[in-house]
N, C-alpha and C. Protein backbone atom coordinates (compact mmCIF):
# COMPACT_ATOMS: atom_id res chain seq x y z
N MET A 1 -6.78 -33.68 1.44
CA MET A 1 -6.72 -33.97 3.01
C MET A 1 -6.04 -32.94 3.79
N LYS A 2 -5.24 -32.27 3.20
CA LYS A 2 -4.35 -31.00 4.01
C LYS A 2 -5.21 -30.12 4.80
N SER A 3 -6.48 -29.72 4.13
CA SER A 3 -7.38 -28.88 4.57
C SER A 3 -8.13 -29.49 5.80
N GLY A 4 -8.03 -30.68 6.15
CA GLY A 4 -8.65 -31.43 7.30
C GLY A 4 -10.13 -32.00 6.73
N PHE A 5 -10.33 -31.91 5.59
CA PHE A 5 -11.49 -32.51 4.93
C PHE A 5 -11.16 -33.69 4.14
N ILE A 6 -11.84 -34.58 3.92
CA ILE A 6 -11.58 -35.91 3.22
C ILE A 6 -11.78 -35.48 1.83
N PHE A 7 -12.82 -34.63 1.39
CA PHE A 7 -13.06 -34.18 -0.04
C PHE A 7 -12.92 -32.56 0.09
N PRO A 8 -11.74 -32.13 -0.18
CA PRO A 8 -11.79 -30.68 0.15
C PRO A 8 -12.65 -29.81 -0.89
N GLU A 9 -12.42 -30.32 -2.10
CA GLU A 9 -13.19 -29.52 -3.34
C GLU A 9 -14.72 -29.56 -2.84
N LYS A 10 -15.11 -30.62 -2.49
CA LYS A 10 -16.71 -30.60 -2.06
C LYS A 10 -17.03 -29.69 -1.08
N TYR A 11 -16.16 -29.50 0.10
CA TYR A 11 -16.45 -28.64 1.04
C TYR A 11 -16.16 -27.19 0.77
N ALA A 12 -15.23 -27.08 -0.01
CA ALA A 12 -14.66 -25.68 -0.52
C ALA A 12 -15.98 -25.04 -1.25
N LEU A 13 -16.56 -25.84 -1.99
CA LEU A 13 -17.67 -25.24 -2.62
C LEU A 13 -18.68 -24.97 -1.78
N ARG A 14 -19.09 -25.70 -0.63
CA ARG A 14 -20.27 -25.43 0.25
C ARG A 14 -19.82 -24.18 1.06
N LEU A 15 -18.46 -24.11 1.50
CA LEU A 15 -17.98 -23.05 2.30
C LEU A 15 -18.08 -21.67 1.62
N LEU A 16 -17.86 -21.85 0.28
CA LEU A 16 -17.91 -20.47 -0.66
C LEU A 16 -19.33 -20.09 -0.89
N LYS A 17 -20.31 -20.91 -0.50
CA LYS A 17 -21.69 -20.52 -0.57
C LYS A 17 -22.19 -19.73 0.68
N ARG A 18 -21.49 -19.75 1.72
CA ARG A 18 -21.78 -19.21 2.99
C ARG A 18 -21.48 -17.70 2.99
N LYS A 19 -22.40 -16.90 3.33
CA LYS A 19 -22.32 -15.64 3.34
C LYS A 19 -21.17 -14.97 4.40
N GLU A 20 -21.08 -15.64 5.69
CA GLU A 20 -19.98 -15.09 6.37
C GLU A 20 -18.38 -15.46 6.06
N ILE A 21 -18.51 -16.54 5.13
CA ILE A 21 -17.10 -16.86 4.48
C ILE A 21 -16.86 -15.86 3.49
N LEU A 22 -17.71 -15.50 2.77
CA LEU A 22 -17.44 -14.46 1.67
C LEU A 22 -17.22 -13.15 2.20
N ASP A 23 -18.02 -12.76 3.33
CA ASP A 23 -17.77 -11.52 3.77
C ASP A 23 -16.45 -11.47 4.46
N GLU A 24 -15.96 -12.55 5.19
CA GLU A 24 -14.43 -12.55 5.74
C GLU A 24 -13.37 -12.26 4.57
N ILE A 25 -13.70 -13.04 3.40
CA ILE A 25 -12.89 -13.02 2.53
C ILE A 25 -12.78 -11.51 1.89
N ALA A 26 -13.78 -11.07 1.73
CA ALA A 26 -14.05 -9.65 1.23
C ALA A 26 -13.28 -8.75 2.34
N ARG A 27 -13.35 -8.90 3.63
CA ARG A 27 -12.97 -8.02 4.54
C ARG A 27 -11.28 -8.12 4.49
N ILE A 28 -10.89 -9.33 4.42
CA ILE A 28 -9.37 -9.53 4.36
C ILE A 28 -8.72 -8.81 3.13
N ASP A 29 -9.28 -9.16 2.01
CA ASP A 29 -8.91 -8.47 0.65
C ASP A 29 -8.81 -6.87 0.84
N LYS A 30 -10.03 -6.50 1.28
CA LYS A 30 -10.07 -5.01 1.44
C LYS A 30 -8.78 -4.38 2.34
N GLN A 31 -8.68 -4.98 3.60
CA GLN A 31 -7.59 -4.58 4.34
C GLN A 31 -6.18 -4.89 3.77
N ARG A 32 -5.96 -5.83 2.86
CA ARG A 32 -4.81 -6.17 2.21
C ARG A 32 -4.49 -5.05 1.18
N ARG A 33 -5.62 -4.66 0.52
CA ARG A 33 -5.74 -3.57 -0.39
C ARG A 33 -5.43 -2.21 0.04
N ALA A 34 -5.85 -2.20 1.28
CA ALA A 34 -5.63 -0.66 1.90
C ALA A 34 -4.16 -0.68 2.49
N THR A 35 -3.52 -1.48 2.94
CA THR A 35 -2.27 -1.41 3.28
C THR A 35 -1.20 -1.19 1.94
N ASP A 36 -1.49 -2.07 0.93
CA ASP A 36 -0.71 -1.89 -0.39
C ASP A 36 -0.85 -0.53 -0.88
N ASN A 37 -2.22 0.21 -0.88
CA ASN A 37 -2.23 1.43 -1.15
C ASN A 37 -1.67 2.45 -0.35
N ASP A 38 -1.67 2.23 0.86
CA ASP A 38 -0.99 3.09 1.93
C ASP A 38 0.66 3.30 1.40
N ILE A 39 1.06 1.93 1.32
CA ILE A 39 2.69 1.83 0.84
C ILE A 39 2.84 2.52 -0.38
N ALA A 40 2.12 2.35 -1.53
CA ALA A 40 2.19 2.82 -2.91
C ALA A 40 2.06 4.49 -2.67
N THR A 41 0.88 4.97 -1.82
CA THR A 41 0.88 6.41 -1.62
C THR A 41 2.15 7.09 -0.98
N GLY A 42 2.62 6.25 -0.20
CA GLY A 42 4.13 6.95 0.50
C GLY A 42 5.17 6.85 -0.44
N PHE A 43 5.28 5.96 -1.27
CA PHE A 43 6.36 5.93 -2.23
C PHE A 43 6.15 6.89 -3.30
N ALA A 44 4.87 7.14 -3.63
CA ALA A 44 4.41 8.20 -4.73
C ALA A 44 4.60 9.61 -4.21
N ARG A 45 4.32 9.70 -2.72
CA ARG A 45 4.82 11.12 -2.16
C ARG A 45 6.43 11.22 -2.27
N LEU A 46 7.03 10.28 -1.96
CA LEU A 46 8.54 10.57 -2.11
C LEU A 46 9.06 10.80 -3.29
N ALA A 47 8.60 10.00 -4.48
CA ALA A 47 8.90 10.14 -5.79
C ALA A 47 8.45 11.46 -6.45
N PHE A 48 7.40 11.85 -6.12
CA PHE A 48 6.77 12.79 -6.93
C PHE A 48 6.44 14.18 -6.12
N GLY A 49 6.55 14.04 -4.74
CA GLY A 49 6.25 15.23 -3.82
C GLY A 49 7.05 16.33 -3.89
N CYS A 50 6.41 17.56 -3.69
CA CYS A 50 6.90 18.74 -3.57
C CYS A 50 8.05 19.21 -2.53
N VAL A 51 9.13 19.76 -2.83
CA VAL A 51 10.07 20.07 -1.88
C VAL A 51 10.24 21.68 -1.41
N SER A 52 9.10 22.45 -2.14
CA SER A 52 9.21 23.85 -1.78
C SER A 52 9.01 24.13 -0.06
N ASP A 53 8.36 23.44 0.54
CA ASP A 53 8.27 23.84 2.01
C ASP A 53 9.62 23.38 2.63
N ALA A 54 10.50 22.37 2.28
CA ALA A 54 11.72 22.03 2.70
C ALA A 54 12.80 23.13 2.12
N ILE A 55 12.63 23.61 1.04
CA ILE A 55 13.49 24.59 0.64
C ILE A 55 13.20 25.94 1.32
N SER A 56 12.18 26.24 1.71
CA SER A 56 11.81 27.38 2.37
C SER A 56 12.44 27.35 3.62
N LEU A 57 12.46 26.38 4.30
CA LEU A 57 13.38 26.32 5.64
C LEU A 57 14.72 27.02 5.44
N LEU A 58 15.23 26.66 4.42
CA LEU A 58 16.71 27.19 4.20
C LEU A 58 16.62 28.79 4.23
N PHE A 59 15.67 29.47 3.65
CA PHE A 59 15.61 30.84 3.80
C PHE A 59 14.89 31.70 4.77
N LYS A 60 14.35 30.78 5.72
CA LYS A 60 13.48 31.66 6.87
C LYS A 60 14.82 31.88 7.96
N ASP A 61 14.53 33.04 8.56
CA ASP A 61 15.69 33.52 9.61
C ASP A 61 15.30 32.71 10.82
N GLU A 62 13.98 32.62 11.03
CA GLU A 62 13.56 32.03 12.31
C GLU A 62 12.29 31.02 11.95
N VAL A 63 12.18 29.76 12.61
CA VAL A 63 11.15 29.01 12.20
C VAL A 63 10.56 28.53 13.58
N SER A 64 9.17 28.50 13.62
CA SER A 64 8.48 28.29 14.71
C SER A 64 7.81 26.80 14.73
N ALA A 65 7.58 26.29 15.84
CA ALA A 65 6.92 25.06 15.56
C ALA A 65 5.68 24.94 14.96
N SER A 66 4.95 26.06 14.99
CA SER A 66 3.68 26.15 14.16
C SER A 66 3.87 26.23 12.60
N ASP A 67 5.31 26.91 12.24
CA ASP A 67 5.39 26.93 10.99
C ASP A 67 5.72 25.60 10.26
N ILE A 68 6.49 24.90 11.33
CA ILE A 68 6.85 23.49 10.65
C ILE A 68 5.49 22.60 10.60
N GLU A 69 4.62 22.64 11.61
CA GLU A 69 3.35 22.00 11.55
C GLU A 69 2.79 22.07 10.26
N LYS A 70 2.77 23.25 9.78
CA LYS A 70 2.02 23.48 8.41
C LYS A 70 2.67 23.07 7.18
N MET A 71 3.96 22.69 7.31
CA MET A 71 4.66 22.22 6.24
C MET A 71 4.63 20.75 5.83
N ASP A 72 4.88 20.63 4.53
CA ASP A 72 4.97 19.07 3.94
C ASP A 72 6.27 18.74 4.04
N LEU A 73 6.85 17.94 4.95
CA LEU A 73 8.17 17.69 5.18
C LEU A 73 8.43 16.17 4.96
N PHE A 74 7.47 15.35 4.44
CA PHE A 74 7.37 14.09 4.07
C PHE A 74 8.61 13.38 3.59
N ASN A 75 9.17 14.01 2.56
CA ASN A 75 10.20 13.65 1.68
C ASN A 75 11.58 13.99 2.17
N ILE A 76 11.78 14.58 3.43
CA ILE A 76 13.07 14.82 3.91
C ILE A 76 13.47 13.70 4.92
N SER A 77 14.68 13.22 4.60
CA SER A 77 15.28 12.06 5.43
C SER A 77 16.00 12.51 6.57
N GLU A 78 16.61 13.80 6.49
CA GLU A 78 17.38 14.24 7.61
C GLU A 78 17.56 15.69 7.47
N ILE A 79 17.42 16.56 8.76
CA ILE A 79 17.82 17.73 8.83
C ILE A 79 18.82 18.18 9.91
N LYS A 80 19.85 18.97 9.52
CA LYS A 80 20.97 19.11 10.52
C LYS A 80 21.01 20.70 10.73
N ARG A 81 21.26 21.03 11.82
CA ARG A 81 21.70 22.73 11.90
C ARG A 81 23.13 22.71 12.28
N LYS A 82 23.93 23.27 11.49
CA LYS A 82 25.19 23.19 11.82
C LYS A 82 25.63 24.25 12.86
N LYS A 83 26.92 24.34 13.42
CA LYS A 83 27.32 25.03 14.50
C LYS A 83 27.18 26.58 14.09
N ASN A 84 27.31 26.89 12.69
CA ASN A 84 27.50 28.24 12.13
C ASN A 84 25.94 28.76 11.98
N GLY A 85 25.06 27.88 12.24
CA GLY A 85 23.72 28.20 12.15
C GLY A 85 23.10 27.70 10.90
N ASP A 86 23.92 27.09 9.72
CA ASP A 86 23.29 26.93 8.65
C ASP A 86 22.50 25.55 8.66
N ILE A 87 21.65 25.31 8.01
CA ILE A 87 20.73 24.02 8.03
C ILE A 87 21.14 23.26 6.74
N GLU A 88 21.25 21.95 7.03
CA GLU A 88 21.55 21.00 5.98
C GLU A 88 20.45 19.92 5.87
N ILE A 89 19.77 19.87 4.65
CA ILE A 89 18.42 19.15 4.48
C ILE A 89 18.82 18.07 3.40
N LYS A 90 18.58 16.82 3.87
CA LYS A 90 18.79 15.51 2.93
C LYS A 90 17.20 14.98 2.54
N PHE A 91 17.09 14.80 1.33
CA PHE A 91 15.96 14.23 0.86
C PHE A 91 16.12 12.72 0.62
N PHE A 92 14.94 12.01 0.71
CA PHE A 92 14.82 10.64 0.24
C PHE A 92 15.30 10.55 -1.20
N ASP A 93 15.67 9.48 -1.74
CA ASP A 93 16.23 9.28 -2.93
C ASP A 93 14.91 9.04 -3.94
N ARG A 94 14.63 10.08 -4.75
CA ARG A 94 13.35 9.85 -5.63
C ARG A 94 13.57 8.70 -6.47
N LEU A 95 14.57 8.38 -7.22
CA LEU A 95 14.79 7.36 -7.97
C LEU A 95 14.62 6.07 -7.41
N LYS A 96 14.94 5.72 -6.11
CA LYS A 96 14.73 4.63 -5.35
C LYS A 96 13.34 4.37 -4.96
N ALA A 97 12.63 5.44 -4.55
CA ALA A 97 11.26 5.40 -4.35
C ALA A 97 10.41 5.06 -5.69
N LEU A 98 10.94 5.68 -6.77
CA LEU A 98 10.09 5.53 -8.00
C LEU A 98 10.27 3.97 -8.46
N GLU A 99 11.39 3.44 -8.09
CA GLU A 99 11.81 1.95 -8.44
C GLU A 99 10.74 1.16 -7.46
N LYS A 100 10.83 1.52 -6.16
CA LYS A 100 10.03 0.63 -5.29
C LYS A 100 8.66 0.62 -5.57
N LEU A 101 8.09 2.08 -6.07
CA LEU A 101 6.80 2.10 -6.55
C LEU A 101 6.39 1.30 -7.84
N THR A 102 7.45 1.21 -8.66
CA THR A 102 7.43 0.29 -9.70
C THR A 102 7.09 -1.22 -9.25
N ASP A 103 7.99 -1.60 -8.46
CA ASP A 103 8.09 -2.90 -7.94
C ASP A 103 6.63 -3.22 -7.41
N ILE A 104 6.14 -2.54 -6.43
CA ILE A 104 5.02 -2.59 -5.89
C ILE A 104 3.85 -2.90 -6.93
N THR A 105 3.77 -1.89 -7.99
CA THR A 105 2.61 -2.07 -9.04
C THR A 105 2.93 -3.50 -9.64
N ASP A 106 4.12 -3.79 -9.93
CA ASP A 106 4.32 -5.06 -10.81
C ASP A 106 3.84 -6.10 -9.87
N LEU A 107 4.25 -6.08 -8.53
CA LEU A 107 3.84 -7.24 -7.67
C LEU A 107 2.24 -7.39 -7.52
N SER A 108 1.62 -6.11 -7.39
CA SER A 108 0.14 -6.25 -7.19
C SER A 108 -0.44 -6.56 -8.47
N SER A 109 0.10 -6.52 -9.76
CA SER A 109 -0.43 -6.96 -10.84
C SER A 109 -0.52 -8.62 -10.83
N GLU A 110 0.97 -9.10 -10.40
CA GLU A 110 0.95 -10.58 -10.43
C GLU A 110 0.19 -11.12 -9.26
N GLU A 111 0.06 -10.49 -8.06
CA GLU A 111 -0.62 -11.05 -7.05
C GLU A 111 -2.23 -11.08 -7.60
N ASN A 112 -2.60 -10.18 -8.14
CA ASN A 112 -4.14 -10.22 -8.43
C ASN A 112 -4.29 -11.24 -9.36
N GLU A 113 -3.23 -11.79 -10.24
CA GLU A 113 -3.38 -12.64 -11.30
C GLU A 113 -3.26 -14.07 -10.44
N ASN A 114 -2.64 -14.17 -9.47
CA ASN A 114 -2.06 -15.54 -8.93
C ASN A 114 -2.62 -15.63 -7.49
N SER A 115 -3.39 -14.67 -6.93
CA SER A 115 -3.72 -14.64 -5.38
C SER A 115 -4.75 -15.73 -5.25
N ILE A 116 -5.03 -16.06 -3.96
CA ILE A 116 -5.98 -17.05 -3.51
C ILE A 116 -7.21 -16.43 -3.64
N PHE A 117 -7.20 -15.06 -3.53
CA PHE A 117 -8.48 -14.36 -3.75
C PHE A 117 -9.00 -14.43 -5.05
N HIS A 118 -8.06 -14.37 -6.10
CA HIS A 118 -8.38 -14.48 -7.40
C HIS A 118 -9.01 -15.91 -7.74
N ALA A 119 -8.33 -16.83 -7.01
CA ALA A 119 -8.78 -18.14 -7.28
C ALA A 119 -10.14 -18.41 -6.55
N ILE A 120 -10.49 -17.89 -5.49
CA ILE A 120 -11.64 -17.87 -4.83
C ILE A 120 -12.70 -17.14 -5.66
N GLU A 121 -12.47 -16.09 -6.14
CA GLU A 121 -13.22 -15.36 -7.16
C GLU A 121 -13.83 -16.12 -8.20
N LYS A 122 -12.69 -16.92 -8.88
CA LYS A 122 -13.02 -17.78 -10.06
C LYS A 122 -13.95 -18.95 -9.43
N GLY A 123 -13.68 -19.45 -8.31
CA GLY A 123 -14.60 -20.52 -7.74
C GLY A 123 -16.12 -19.96 -7.54
N VAL A 124 -16.04 -18.72 -6.93
CA VAL A 124 -17.53 -18.04 -6.91
C VAL A 124 -18.11 -17.89 -8.09
N ALA A 125 -17.24 -17.44 -9.02
CA ALA A 125 -18.00 -17.17 -10.42
C ALA A 125 -18.60 -18.69 -11.08
N ALA A 126 -17.74 -19.66 -10.89
CA ALA A 126 -18.16 -20.76 -11.34
C ALA A 126 -19.46 -21.42 -10.61
N LEU A 127 -19.45 -21.19 -9.36
CA LEU A 127 -20.55 -21.65 -8.61
C LEU A 127 -21.73 -20.87 -8.95
N ARG A 128 -21.75 -19.53 -9.26
CA ARG A 128 -22.69 -18.75 -9.71
C ARG A 128 -23.24 -19.34 -11.04
N ASN A 129 -22.39 -19.50 -11.83
CA ASN A 129 -22.62 -19.94 -13.18
C ASN A 129 -23.47 -21.17 -13.14
N GLU A 130 -22.84 -22.12 -12.26
CA GLU A 130 -23.46 -23.56 -12.23
C GLU A 130 -24.86 -23.35 -11.58
N HIS A 131 -25.07 -22.54 -10.61
CA HIS A 131 -26.43 -22.24 -10.00
C HIS A 131 -27.40 -21.67 -10.85
N ASN A 132 -27.01 -20.77 -11.79
CA ASN A 132 -27.81 -20.05 -12.78
C ASN A 132 -28.27 -20.94 -13.91
N GLU A 133 -27.41 -22.03 -14.14
CA GLU A 133 -27.75 -23.10 -15.12
C GLU A 133 -28.82 -23.97 -15.07
């Protein structure tokens, strides 16, 4: 009765047969996966990204805006120019990024096994099997 239906299982099966319901579930799942992938990609760049562009900043006498636009500085957390002209560069912690990436991977594995989408997929598969018999 929590869903507003007297017999929710009966109505759930009917709803899962409707194309617009299945399309909406697929759209939401795709959007969620895209977000998860974006987060994982960001942490992967922090954990495994190249620092050569950032290091080259230390050895350049003059740096133009166009030079900086061409560089991959994603893994830099802070840049300071000291009074004497020296540059101090701090990077994001690679180990923390790797830990977060591992956590995301573990969570997404658990979510895939326990998610509502997984349950719905099982229900759809059961409906198809029932329909094919």
